[in-house]
């Protein structure tokens, strides 16, 4: 559960009929702007736990992405339903990332709490994600860019709110985010291949 530091931000309402198109364009723009030759591997780090409905957005996205991303040898997914990245193992996972992958560019994904009128919105921002901030946990920051999904109302009794978040909201957002990441990566690598030919 996160709070994001905004330097350049774009938001999409997951209930909009144009959500996938708008979000895929935003993600593609961020990849083109920030994932350059200074980086090698692209890591999609999906943060959260399958033990809390409100905090399972990340692992659901990781699960949905893990099989498709085998098409791209330099793209890796960490944080799935079977092997989640969460508060207890985040430091170890960050150590693993920087000891295993060559010049990684990290796209971090997490659920967050927000204002009532923002529930269902998906935010894309440049810079590091601060996991755990939504539930007052001190965890290391992660990510060159990050995606957050507002799953419920924040500001009071965060743990109870997370446990009582509707799975339908989280699942819809997970479908939208995972599908748009697939589309964005396909477009990104197709454009790179065309430029190199």
N, C-alpha and C. Protein backbone atom coordinates (compact mmCIF):
# COMPACT_ATOMS: atom_id res chain seq x y z
N UNK A 1 0.85 -1.17 0.00
CA UNK A 1 0.00 0.00 0.00
C UNK A 1 0.89 1.23 0.00
N UNK A 2 0.69 2.10 -0.97
CA UNK A 2 1.68 3.14 -1.25
C UNK A 2 1.13 4.55 -1.24
N UNK A 3 2.09 5.46 -1.21
CA UNK A 3 1.88 6.86 -1.51
C UNK A 3 2.91 7.17 -2.58
N UNK A 4 2.55 7.94 -3.61
CA UNK A 4 3.54 8.19 -4.65
C UNK A 4 4.01 9.63 -4.62
N UNK A 5 5.30 9.82 -5.01
CA UNK A 5 5.88 11.15 -5.11
C UNK A 5 5.75 11.61 -6.54
N UNK A 6 5.04 12.69 -6.73
CA UNK A 6 4.65 13.12 -8.07
C UNK A 6 5.66 14.10 -8.65
N UNK A 7 6.23 13.73 -9.81
CA UNK A 7 7.02 14.68 -10.57
C UNK A 7 6.35 14.90 -11.92
N UNK A 8 5.92 13.82 -12.54
CA UNK A 8 5.12 13.91 -13.76
C UNK A 8 4.08 12.83 -13.60
N UNK A 9 2.82 13.19 -13.61
CA UNK A 9 1.79 12.22 -13.29
C UNK A 9 0.65 12.26 -14.30
N UNK A 10 0.10 11.11 -14.55
CA UNK A 10 -1.08 10.99 -15.38
C UNK A 10 -2.02 10.01 -14.72
N UNK A 11 -3.31 10.30 -14.77
CA UNK A 11 -4.32 9.45 -14.15
C UNK A 11 -5.38 9.06 -15.17
N UNK A 12 -5.88 7.84 -14.99
CA UNK A 12 -6.94 7.32 -15.85
C UNK A 12 -7.99 6.66 -14.96
N UNK A 13 -9.25 6.93 -15.24
CA UNK A 13 -10.33 6.27 -14.52
C UNK A 13 -10.54 4.88 -15.13
N UNK A 14 -10.34 3.84 -14.33
CA UNK A 14 -10.45 2.47 -14.85
C UNK A 14 -11.87 2.14 -15.31
N UNK A 15 -12.85 2.94 -14.91
CA UNK A 15 -14.24 2.72 -15.33
C UNK A 15 -14.56 3.39 -16.68
N UNK A 16 -13.61 4.16 -17.19
CA UNK A 16 -13.83 4.82 -18.48
C UNK A 16 -13.76 3.78 -19.61
N UNK A 17 -14.62 3.94 -20.64
CA UNK A 17 -14.54 3.02 -21.78
C UNK A 17 -13.23 3.16 -22.56
N UNK A 18 -12.51 4.25 -22.34
CA UNK A 18 -11.25 4.50 -23.03
C UNK A 18 -10.03 4.25 -22.14
N UNK A 19 -10.25 3.62 -20.97
CA UNK A 19 -9.18 3.46 -19.98
C UNK A 19 -7.96 2.74 -20.55
N UNK A 20 -8.17 1.62 -21.24
CA UNK A 20 -7.03 0.86 -21.75
C UNK A 20 -6.25 1.64 -22.80
N UNK A 21 -6.94 2.30 -23.68
CA UNK A 21 -6.27 3.08 -24.72
C UNK A 21 -5.47 4.23 -24.10
N UNK A 22 -6.10 4.97 -23.19
CA UNK A 22 -5.44 6.11 -22.55
C UNK A 22 -4.24 5.65 -21.73
N UNK A 23 -4.41 4.59 -20.94
CA UNK A 23 -3.33 4.13 -20.07
C UNK A 23 -2.17 3.56 -20.87
N UNK A 24 -2.47 2.82 -21.94
CA UNK A 24 -1.37 2.26 -22.74
C UNK A 24 -0.55 3.38 -23.39
N UNK A 25 -1.21 4.45 -23.81
CA UNK A 25 -0.48 5.59 -24.38
C UNK A 25 0.41 6.26 -23.33
N UNK A 26 -0.10 6.38 -22.11
CA UNK A 26 0.69 7.00 -21.03
C UNK A 26 1.90 6.14 -20.71
N UNK A 27 1.70 4.83 -20.55
CA UNK A 27 2.81 3.94 -20.21
C UNK A 27 3.85 3.95 -21.32
N UNK A 28 3.41 3.92 -22.57
CA UNK A 28 4.34 3.97 -23.70
C UNK A 28 5.13 5.27 -23.68
N UNK A 29 4.47 6.37 -23.38
CA UNK A 29 5.16 7.66 -23.29
C UNK A 29 6.24 7.63 -22.22
N UNK A 30 5.92 7.06 -21.06
CA UNK A 30 6.89 6.98 -19.97
C UNK A 30 8.06 6.07 -20.33
N UNK A 31 7.79 4.97 -21.01
CA UNK A 31 8.88 4.08 -21.44
C UNK A 31 9.78 4.80 -22.44
N UNK A 32 9.19 5.49 -23.40
CA UNK A 32 9.99 6.22 -24.39
C UNK A 32 10.80 7.35 -23.76
N UNK A 33 10.23 8.00 -22.75
CA UNK A 33 10.91 9.13 -22.11
C UNK A 33 12.03 8.70 -21.16
N UNK A 34 11.84 7.59 -20.46
CA UNK A 34 12.74 7.28 -19.35
C UNK A 34 13.50 5.97 -19.45
N UNK A 35 13.03 5.00 -20.23
CA UNK A 35 13.72 3.72 -20.38
C UNK A 35 14.64 3.83 -21.59
N UNK A 36 15.86 4.30 -21.35
CA UNK A 36 16.77 4.57 -22.45
C UNK A 36 17.99 3.65 -22.40
N UNK A 37 19.03 4.00 -23.16
CA UNK A 37 20.20 3.13 -23.28
C UNK A 37 21.04 3.08 -22.01
N UNK A 38 20.73 3.89 -21.01
CA UNK A 38 21.43 3.79 -19.73
C UNK A 38 21.03 2.55 -18.96
N UNK A 39 19.93 1.91 -19.38
CA UNK A 39 19.41 0.74 -18.69
C UNK A 39 19.44 -0.47 -19.62
N UNK A 40 19.43 -1.63 -19.00
CA UNK A 40 19.42 -2.86 -19.77
C UNK A 40 18.12 -3.61 -19.51
N UNK A 41 18.04 -4.34 -18.40
CA UNK A 41 16.84 -5.10 -18.08
C UNK A 41 15.71 -4.19 -17.61
N UNK A 42 14.49 -4.56 -17.99
CA UNK A 42 13.28 -3.88 -17.51
C UNK A 42 12.59 -4.79 -16.51
N UNK A 43 12.47 -4.32 -15.28
CA UNK A 43 11.83 -5.10 -14.22
C UNK A 43 10.49 -4.48 -13.87
N UNK A 44 9.46 -5.32 -13.85
CA UNK A 44 8.15 -4.89 -13.39
C UNK A 44 7.97 -5.51 -12.02
N UNK A 45 8.02 -4.67 -10.99
CA UNK A 45 7.97 -5.14 -9.60
C UNK A 45 6.58 -4.84 -9.06
N UNK A 46 5.81 -5.91 -8.85
CA UNK A 46 4.41 -5.80 -8.42
C UNK A 46 4.34 -6.05 -6.92
N UNK A 47 4.04 -5.01 -6.17
CA UNK A 47 4.13 -5.06 -4.71
C UNK A 47 2.76 -5.27 -4.09
N UNK A 48 2.72 -6.10 -3.05
CA UNK A 48 1.47 -6.35 -2.34
C UNK A 48 1.42 -7.78 -1.83
N UNK A 49 0.29 -8.13 -1.25
CA UNK A 49 0.12 -9.46 -0.70
C UNK A 49 -1.24 -10.04 -1.08
N UNK A 50 -1.27 -11.34 -1.27
CA UNK A 50 -2.54 -12.00 -1.58
C UNK A 50 -3.37 -12.25 -0.33
N UNK A 51 -2.87 -11.84 0.82
CA UNK A 51 -3.58 -12.05 2.09
C UNK A 51 -4.53 -10.92 2.44
N UNK A 52 -4.56 -9.88 1.61
CA UNK A 52 -5.44 -8.73 1.85
C UNK A 52 -6.07 -8.33 0.52
N UNK A 53 -7.38 -8.30 0.46
CA UNK A 53 -8.07 -7.98 -0.79
C UNK A 53 -7.60 -6.64 -1.35
N UNK A 54 -7.51 -5.63 -0.50
CA UNK A 54 -7.13 -4.31 -0.97
C UNK A 54 -5.69 -4.20 -1.41
N UNK A 55 -4.84 -5.09 -0.93
CA UNK A 55 -3.41 -5.01 -1.24
C UNK A 55 -2.97 -6.08 -2.23
N UNK A 56 -3.90 -6.74 -2.89
CA UNK A 56 -3.52 -7.82 -3.82
C UNK A 56 -3.44 -7.35 -5.27
N UNK A 57 -3.57 -6.04 -5.51
CA UNK A 57 -3.49 -5.52 -6.87
C UNK A 57 -2.16 -5.90 -7.53
N UNK A 58 -1.06 -5.66 -6.84
CA UNK A 58 0.25 -5.97 -7.40
C UNK A 58 0.42 -7.44 -7.75
N UNK A 59 0.20 -8.36 -6.80
CA UNK A 59 0.35 -9.79 -7.12
C UNK A 59 -0.57 -10.28 -8.23
N UNK A 60 -1.78 -9.73 -8.31
CA UNK A 60 -2.69 -10.10 -9.41
C UNK A 60 -2.12 -9.67 -10.75
N UNK A 61 -1.57 -8.47 -10.81
CA UNK A 61 -0.97 -7.98 -12.06
C UNK A 61 0.25 -8.83 -12.41
N UNK A 62 1.09 -9.13 -11.42
CA UNK A 62 2.26 -9.97 -11.66
C UNK A 62 1.87 -11.33 -12.19
N UNK A 63 0.83 -11.91 -11.62
CA UNK A 63 0.31 -13.21 -12.08
C UNK A 63 -0.14 -13.13 -13.54
N UNK A 64 -0.86 -12.05 -13.87
CA UNK A 64 -1.40 -11.90 -15.23
C UNK A 64 -0.30 -11.62 -16.26
N UNK A 65 0.81 -11.01 -15.82
CA UNK A 65 1.89 -10.65 -16.74
C UNK A 65 2.94 -11.75 -16.89
N UNK A 66 3.10 -12.60 -15.90
CA UNK A 66 4.27 -13.48 -15.83
C UNK A 66 4.43 -14.39 -17.05
N UNK A 67 3.36 -14.93 -17.59
CA UNK A 67 3.52 -15.84 -18.73
C UNK A 67 3.80 -15.09 -20.03
N UNK A 68 3.13 -13.97 -20.25
CA UNK A 68 3.28 -13.24 -21.50
C UNK A 68 4.67 -12.62 -21.64
N UNK A 69 5.26 -12.19 -20.55
CA UNK A 69 6.51 -11.46 -20.64
C UNK A 69 7.70 -12.36 -20.97
N UNK A 70 7.48 -13.66 -21.04
CA UNK A 70 8.55 -14.55 -21.48
C UNK A 70 8.91 -14.29 -22.94
N UNK A 71 8.05 -13.56 -23.65
CA UNK A 71 8.33 -13.18 -25.03
C UNK A 71 9.47 -12.18 -25.13
N UNK A 72 9.76 -11.48 -24.04
CA UNK A 72 10.78 -10.45 -24.04
C UNK A 72 11.91 -10.84 -23.09
N UNK A 73 13.08 -11.21 -23.63
CA UNK A 73 14.16 -11.72 -22.77
C UNK A 73 14.70 -10.71 -21.76
N UNK A 74 14.55 -9.42 -22.02
CA UNK A 74 15.07 -8.40 -21.10
C UNK A 74 14.00 -7.85 -20.15
N UNK A 75 12.80 -8.41 -20.18
CA UNK A 75 11.72 -7.96 -19.31
C UNK A 75 11.44 -9.05 -18.28
N UNK A 76 11.37 -8.66 -17.01
CA UNK A 76 11.18 -9.62 -15.92
C UNK A 76 10.09 -9.11 -14.97
N UNK A 77 9.35 -10.04 -14.40
CA UNK A 77 8.29 -9.71 -13.44
C UNK A 77 8.66 -10.28 -12.08
N UNK A 78 8.59 -9.45 -11.06
CA UNK A 78 8.74 -9.89 -9.68
C UNK A 78 7.46 -9.51 -8.95
N UNK A 79 6.95 -10.43 -8.14
CA UNK A 79 5.75 -10.17 -7.37
C UNK A 79 4.53 -10.77 -8.02
N UNK A 80 4.24 -12.03 -7.69
CA UNK A 80 3.08 -12.73 -8.23
C UNK A 80 2.28 -13.30 -7.07
N UNK A 81 1.18 -13.95 -7.37
CA UNK A 81 0.39 -14.60 -6.31
C UNK A 81 1.20 -15.69 -5.62
N UNK A 82 2.02 -16.41 -6.39
CA UNK A 82 2.83 -17.49 -5.81
C UNK A 82 4.05 -16.99 -5.07
N UNK A 83 4.61 -15.87 -5.52
CA UNK A 83 5.84 -15.34 -4.93
C UNK A 83 5.73 -13.82 -4.81
N UNK A 84 4.92 -13.35 -3.84
CA UNK A 84 4.68 -11.90 -3.75
C UNK A 84 5.88 -11.12 -3.21
N UNK A 85 5.93 -9.84 -3.59
CA UNK A 85 6.89 -8.89 -3.02
C UNK A 85 6.09 -8.03 -2.05
N UNK A 86 6.43 -8.10 -0.77
CA UNK A 86 5.63 -7.41 0.25
C UNK A 86 6.54 -6.82 1.33
N UNK A 87 5.93 -6.27 2.36
CA UNK A 87 6.69 -5.53 3.38
C UNK A 87 7.80 -6.36 4.01
N UNK A 88 7.57 -7.64 4.22
CA UNK A 88 8.55 -8.46 4.93
C UNK A 88 9.75 -8.86 4.08
N UNK A 89 9.60 -8.85 2.75
CA UNK A 89 10.73 -9.29 1.93
C UNK A 89 11.22 -8.22 0.94
N UNK A 90 10.68 -7.02 1.02
CA UNK A 90 11.01 -5.99 0.03
C UNK A 90 12.50 -5.66 0.01
N UNK A 91 13.12 -5.49 1.17
CA UNK A 91 14.55 -5.16 1.22
C UNK A 91 15.37 -6.26 0.55
N UNK A 92 15.04 -7.52 0.86
CA UNK A 92 15.77 -8.64 0.24
C UNK A 92 15.56 -8.68 -1.27
N UNK A 93 14.35 -8.38 -1.72
CA UNK A 93 14.06 -8.39 -3.15
C UNK A 93 14.83 -7.28 -3.87
N UNK A 94 14.95 -6.12 -3.24
CA UNK A 94 15.72 -5.02 -3.85
C UNK A 94 17.19 -5.41 -3.96
N UNK A 95 17.73 -6.03 -2.91
CA UNK A 95 19.12 -6.52 -2.95
C UNK A 95 19.29 -7.53 -4.08
N UNK A 96 18.32 -8.44 -4.20
CA UNK A 96 18.35 -9.46 -5.26
C UNK A 96 18.33 -8.81 -6.65
N UNK A 97 17.50 -7.78 -6.82
CA UNK A 97 17.40 -7.11 -8.12
C UNK A 97 18.75 -6.55 -8.55
N UNK A 98 19.42 -5.81 -7.64
CA UNK A 98 20.66 -5.13 -8.02
C UNK A 98 21.86 -6.06 -8.07
N UNK A 99 21.74 -7.26 -7.52
CA UNK A 99 22.83 -8.23 -7.63
C UNK A 99 22.62 -9.20 -8.79
N UNK A 100 21.41 -9.22 -9.36
CA UNK A 100 21.08 -10.19 -10.40
C UNK A 100 20.95 -9.57 -11.79
N UNK A 101 20.36 -8.38 -11.87
CA UNK A 101 20.04 -7.79 -13.16
C UNK A 101 21.01 -6.67 -13.52
N UNK A 102 21.26 -6.55 -14.81
CA UNK A 102 22.23 -5.59 -15.31
C UNK A 102 21.54 -4.25 -15.58
N UNK A 103 21.99 -3.20 -14.90
CA UNK A 103 21.43 -1.85 -15.07
C UNK A 103 19.91 -1.88 -15.18
N UNK A 104 19.20 -2.31 -14.13
CA UNK A 104 17.75 -2.47 -14.24
C UNK A 104 16.99 -1.15 -14.25
N UNK A 105 15.98 -1.09 -15.10
CA UNK A 105 14.98 -0.02 -15.08
C UNK A 105 13.75 -0.63 -14.43
N UNK A 106 13.26 0.00 -13.36
CA UNK A 106 12.20 -0.62 -12.57
C UNK A 106 10.89 0.14 -12.72
N UNK A 107 9.85 -0.61 -13.10
CA UNK A 107 8.48 -0.11 -13.08
C UNK A 107 7.83 -0.76 -11.86
N UNK A 108 7.56 0.03 -10.84
CA UNK A 108 6.96 -0.49 -9.61
C UNK A 108 5.44 -0.30 -9.67
N UNK A 109 4.72 -1.30 -9.16
CA UNK A 109 3.25 -1.26 -9.19
C UNK A 109 2.73 -1.60 -7.80
N UNK A 110 1.76 -0.82 -7.32
CA UNK A 110 1.20 -1.08 -6.00
C UNK A 110 -0.21 -0.49 -5.92
N UNK A 111 -0.97 -0.97 -4.97
CA UNK A 111 -2.27 -0.39 -4.64
C UNK A 111 -2.04 0.82 -3.73
N UNK A 112 -3.00 1.72 -3.71
CA UNK A 112 -2.93 2.83 -2.77
C UNK A 112 -4.33 3.23 -2.34
N UNK A 113 -4.39 3.98 -1.26
CA UNK A 113 -5.65 4.52 -0.76
C UNK A 113 -5.72 5.99 -1.12
N UNK A 114 -6.91 6.52 -1.27
CA UNK A 114 -7.03 7.92 -1.66
C UNK A 114 -8.39 8.48 -1.31
N UNK A 115 -8.73 9.58 -1.96
CA UNK A 115 -10.03 10.21 -1.73
C UNK A 115 -11.13 9.37 -2.38
N UNK A 116 -12.33 9.47 -1.84
CA UNK A 116 -13.45 8.67 -2.32
C UNK A 116 -13.68 8.84 -3.82
N UNK A 117 -13.59 10.07 -4.31
CA UNK A 117 -13.85 10.31 -5.73
C UNK A 117 -12.72 9.80 -6.63
N UNK A 118 -11.59 9.40 -6.04
CA UNK A 118 -10.45 8.89 -6.83
C UNK A 118 -10.37 7.36 -6.84
N UNK A 119 -11.26 6.69 -6.12
CA UNK A 119 -11.26 5.22 -6.11
C UNK A 119 -11.52 4.73 -7.54
N UNK A 120 -10.68 3.82 -7.99
CA UNK A 120 -10.78 3.31 -9.36
C UNK A 120 -9.83 3.98 -10.33
N UNK A 121 -9.14 5.03 -9.88
CA UNK A 121 -8.18 5.71 -10.75
C UNK A 121 -6.83 5.01 -10.73
N UNK A 122 -6.18 5.02 -11.86
CA UNK A 122 -4.84 4.45 -12.02
C UNK A 122 -3.90 5.61 -12.32
N UNK A 123 -2.81 5.72 -11.55
CA UNK A 123 -1.86 6.82 -11.68
C UNK A 123 -0.53 6.30 -12.19
N UNK A 124 0.07 7.02 -13.11
CA UNK A 124 1.42 6.70 -13.59
C UNK A 124 2.30 7.90 -13.29
N UNK A 125 3.45 7.67 -12.66
CA UNK A 125 4.33 8.78 -12.27
C UNK A 125 5.79 8.40 -12.45
N UNK A 126 6.60 9.42 -12.68
CA UNK A 126 8.05 9.24 -12.71
C UNK A 126 8.56 9.24 -11.28
N UNK A 127 9.61 8.50 -11.03
CA UNK A 127 10.25 8.50 -9.73
C UNK A 127 9.86 7.29 -8.89
N UNK A 128 10.37 7.29 -7.68
CA UNK A 128 10.25 6.13 -6.81
C UNK A 128 8.90 6.07 -6.10
N UNK A 129 8.45 4.85 -5.94
CA UNK A 129 7.26 4.52 -5.16
C UNK A 129 7.68 4.32 -3.71
N UNK A 130 6.85 4.74 -2.77
CA UNK A 130 7.15 4.52 -1.35
C UNK A 130 6.13 3.53 -0.80
N UNK A 131 6.44 2.23 -0.92
CA UNK A 131 5.50 1.22 -0.43
C UNK A 131 5.29 1.34 1.08
N UNK A 132 4.11 1.01 1.52
CA UNK A 132 3.81 0.99 2.95
C UNK A 132 3.40 2.33 3.53
N UNK A 133 3.57 3.41 2.78
CA UNK A 133 3.25 4.73 3.32
C UNK A 133 1.77 4.86 3.64
N UNK A 134 0.93 4.16 2.89
CA UNK A 134 -0.51 4.24 3.12
C UNK A 134 -0.95 3.62 4.43
N UNK A 135 -0.10 2.75 4.98
CA UNK A 135 -0.41 2.11 6.27
C UNK A 135 0.68 2.42 7.29
N UNK A 136 1.39 3.54 7.10
CA UNK A 136 2.39 4.06 8.03
C UNK A 136 3.52 3.08 8.31
N UNK A 137 4.02 2.42 7.26
CA UNK A 137 5.19 1.55 7.38
C UNK A 137 6.37 2.22 6.71
N UNK A 138 7.55 2.07 7.31
CA UNK A 138 8.78 2.61 6.73
C UNK A 138 9.44 1.52 5.89
N UNK A 139 9.33 1.63 4.58
CA UNK A 139 9.91 0.66 3.66
C UNK A 139 10.75 1.40 2.63
N UNK A 140 11.73 0.72 2.04
CA UNK A 140 12.57 1.40 1.05
C UNK A 140 11.78 1.77 -0.21
N UNK A 141 12.16 2.88 -0.80
CA UNK A 141 11.54 3.33 -2.05
C UNK A 141 12.06 2.47 -3.20
N UNK A 142 11.24 2.35 -4.25
CA UNK A 142 11.64 1.54 -5.39
C UNK A 142 10.98 2.07 -6.66
N UNK A 143 11.74 2.04 -7.75
CA UNK A 143 11.16 2.35 -9.06
C UNK A 143 11.74 3.58 -9.73
N UNK A 144 11.90 3.48 -11.05
CA UNK A 144 12.21 4.64 -11.88
C UNK A 144 10.92 5.33 -12.31
N UNK A 145 9.90 4.51 -12.56
CA UNK A 145 8.53 5.00 -12.75
C UNK A 145 7.63 4.08 -11.92
N UNK A 146 6.43 4.52 -11.66
CA UNK A 146 5.53 3.65 -10.89
C UNK A 146 4.08 3.85 -11.29
N UNK A 147 3.33 2.79 -11.06
CA UNK A 147 1.89 2.78 -11.33
C UNK A 147 1.18 2.44 -10.02
N UNK A 148 0.20 3.24 -9.66
CA UNK A 148 -0.60 2.95 -8.47
C UNK A 148 -2.07 2.93 -8.84
N UNK A 149 -2.80 2.06 -8.17
CA UNK A 149 -4.24 1.99 -8.35
C UNK A 149 -4.94 2.33 -7.05
N UNK A 150 -5.83 3.30 -7.07
CA UNK A 150 -6.55 3.71 -5.86
C UNK A 150 -7.69 2.70 -5.63
N UNK A 151 -7.52 1.84 -4.63
CA UNK A 151 -8.46 0.74 -4.42
C UNK A 151 -9.55 1.06 -3.40
N UNK A 152 -9.30 2.06 -2.55
CA UNK A 152 -10.29 2.37 -1.51
C UNK A 152 -9.97 3.72 -0.89
N UNK A 153 -10.85 4.14 0.02
CA UNK A 153 -10.75 5.41 0.73
C UNK A 153 -9.65 5.32 1.78
N UNK A 154 -8.82 6.36 1.88
CA UNK A 154 -7.76 6.40 2.88
C UNK A 154 -8.03 7.43 3.95
N UNK A 155 -7.19 7.41 4.98
CA UNK A 155 -7.26 8.42 6.01
C UNK A 155 -7.64 7.91 7.39
N UNK A 156 -8.20 6.71 7.48
CA UNK A 156 -8.55 6.17 8.79
C UNK A 156 -8.68 4.65 8.70
N UNK A 157 -8.28 3.96 9.74
CA UNK A 157 -8.41 2.50 9.86
C UNK A 157 -7.98 1.77 8.58
N UNK A 158 -6.75 2.08 8.12
CA UNK A 158 -6.30 1.59 6.82
C UNK A 158 -6.33 0.07 6.71
N UNK A 159 -5.91 -0.64 7.76
CA UNK A 159 -5.87 -2.10 7.68
C UNK A 159 -7.27 -2.69 7.52
N UNK A 160 -8.24 -2.12 8.22
CA UNK A 160 -9.62 -2.61 8.10
C UNK A 160 -10.17 -2.27 6.71
N UNK A 161 -9.86 -1.07 6.23
CA UNK A 161 -10.29 -0.67 4.89
C UNK A 161 -9.74 -1.64 3.84
N UNK A 162 -8.46 -1.98 3.98
CA UNK A 162 -7.84 -2.89 3.01
C UNK A 162 -8.50 -4.26 3.03
N UNK A 163 -8.81 -4.75 4.22
CA UNK A 163 -9.43 -6.08 4.33
C UNK A 163 -10.85 -6.08 3.79
N UNK A 164 -11.49 -4.92 3.72
CA UNK A 164 -12.88 -4.83 3.27
C UNK A 164 -13.03 -4.18 1.91
N UNK A 165 -11.95 -4.16 1.14
CA UNK A 165 -12.01 -3.63 -0.22
C UNK A 165 -12.66 -4.67 -1.13
N UNK A 166 -13.49 -4.22 -2.03
CA UNK A 166 -14.18 -5.14 -2.95
C UNK A 166 -13.20 -5.72 -3.96
N UNK A 167 -13.22 -7.03 -4.07
CA UNK A 167 -12.33 -7.71 -5.01
C UNK A 167 -12.65 -7.29 -6.45
N UNK A 168 -13.91 -6.99 -6.75
CA UNK A 168 -14.28 -6.62 -8.11
C UNK A 168 -13.54 -5.37 -8.57
N UNK A 169 -13.35 -4.40 -7.67
CA UNK A 169 -12.63 -3.17 -8.01
C UNK A 169 -11.17 -3.50 -8.31
N UNK A 170 -10.57 -4.30 -7.43
CA UNK A 170 -9.15 -4.65 -7.58
C UNK A 170 -8.94 -5.47 -8.85
N UNK A 171 -9.83 -6.43 -9.11
CA UNK A 171 -9.68 -7.28 -10.28
C UNK A 171 -9.83 -6.49 -11.58
N UNK A 172 -10.77 -5.57 -11.60
CA UNK A 172 -10.96 -4.74 -12.80
C UNK A 172 -9.71 -3.91 -13.07
N UNK A 173 -9.16 -3.33 -12.02
CA UNK A 173 -7.94 -2.53 -12.19
C UNK A 173 -6.77 -3.40 -12.61
N UNK A 174 -6.66 -4.61 -12.04
CA UNK A 174 -5.58 -5.52 -12.41
C UNK A 174 -5.68 -5.92 -13.88
N UNK A 175 -6.90 -6.18 -14.34
CA UNK A 175 -7.11 -6.51 -15.76
C UNK A 175 -6.68 -5.35 -16.65
N UNK A 176 -7.10 -4.13 -16.28
CA UNK A 176 -6.79 -2.96 -17.09
C UNK A 176 -5.29 -2.70 -17.13
N UNK A 177 -4.64 -2.74 -15.97
CA UNK A 177 -3.20 -2.44 -15.91
C UNK A 177 -2.39 -3.51 -16.62
N UNK A 178 -2.68 -4.78 -16.38
CA UNK A 178 -1.89 -5.84 -17.02
C UNK A 178 -2.07 -5.83 -18.53
N UNK A 179 -3.30 -5.63 -18.99
CA UNK A 179 -3.55 -5.58 -20.44
C UNK A 179 -2.84 -4.41 -21.09
N UNK A 180 -2.86 -3.25 -20.44
CA UNK A 180 -2.23 -2.08 -21.03
C UNK A 180 -0.70 -2.18 -21.01
N UNK A 181 -0.15 -2.83 -20.00
CA UNK A 181 1.30 -3.05 -19.99
C UNK A 181 1.69 -3.96 -21.16
N UNK A 182 0.91 -4.99 -21.41
CA UNK A 182 1.18 -5.88 -22.55
C UNK A 182 1.14 -5.10 -23.86
N UNK A 183 0.11 -4.28 -24.04
CA UNK A 183 -0.02 -3.48 -25.25
C UNK A 183 1.16 -2.50 -25.38
N UNK A 184 1.49 -1.83 -24.29
CA UNK A 184 2.56 -0.83 -24.30
C UNK A 184 3.91 -1.45 -24.63
N UNK A 185 4.19 -2.61 -24.05
CA UNK A 185 5.46 -3.28 -24.34
C UNK A 185 5.53 -3.74 -25.78
N UNK A 186 4.41 -4.24 -26.29
CA UNK A 186 4.38 -4.67 -27.69
C UNK A 186 4.69 -3.48 -28.60
N UNK A 187 4.04 -2.35 -28.34
CA UNK A 187 4.28 -1.15 -29.15
C UNK A 187 5.72 -0.66 -28.99
N UNK A 188 6.20 -0.65 -27.76
CA UNK A 188 7.56 -0.14 -27.49
C UNK A 188 8.61 -0.95 -28.23
N UNK A 189 8.56 -2.27 -28.09
CA UNK A 189 9.58 -3.11 -28.73
C UNK A 189 9.40 -3.16 -30.24
N UNK A 190 8.18 -3.03 -30.73
CA UNK A 190 7.96 -2.96 -32.18
C UNK A 190 8.58 -1.70 -32.75
N UNK A 191 8.37 -0.56 -32.06
CA UNK A 191 8.96 0.70 -32.51
C UNK A 191 10.48 0.64 -32.51
N UNK A 192 11.05 0.03 -31.46
CA UNK A 192 12.52 -0.09 -31.39
C UNK A 192 13.05 -0.96 -32.50
N UNK A 193 12.33 -2.05 -32.80
CA UNK A 193 12.76 -2.94 -33.88
C UNK A 193 12.70 -2.23 -35.23
N UNK A 194 11.67 -1.44 -35.46
CA UNK A 194 11.54 -0.70 -36.71
C UNK A 194 12.64 0.34 -36.87
N UNK A 195 12.99 1.00 -35.77
CA UNK A 195 14.08 2.01 -35.81
C UNK A 195 15.43 1.37 -36.10
N UNK A 196 15.62 0.13 -35.65
CA UNK A 196 16.91 -0.54 -35.80
C UNK A 196 17.04 -1.22 -37.17
N UNK A 197 15.96 -1.25 -37.94
CA UNK A 197 16.02 -1.90 -39.27
C UNK A 197 16.26 -0.87 -40.37
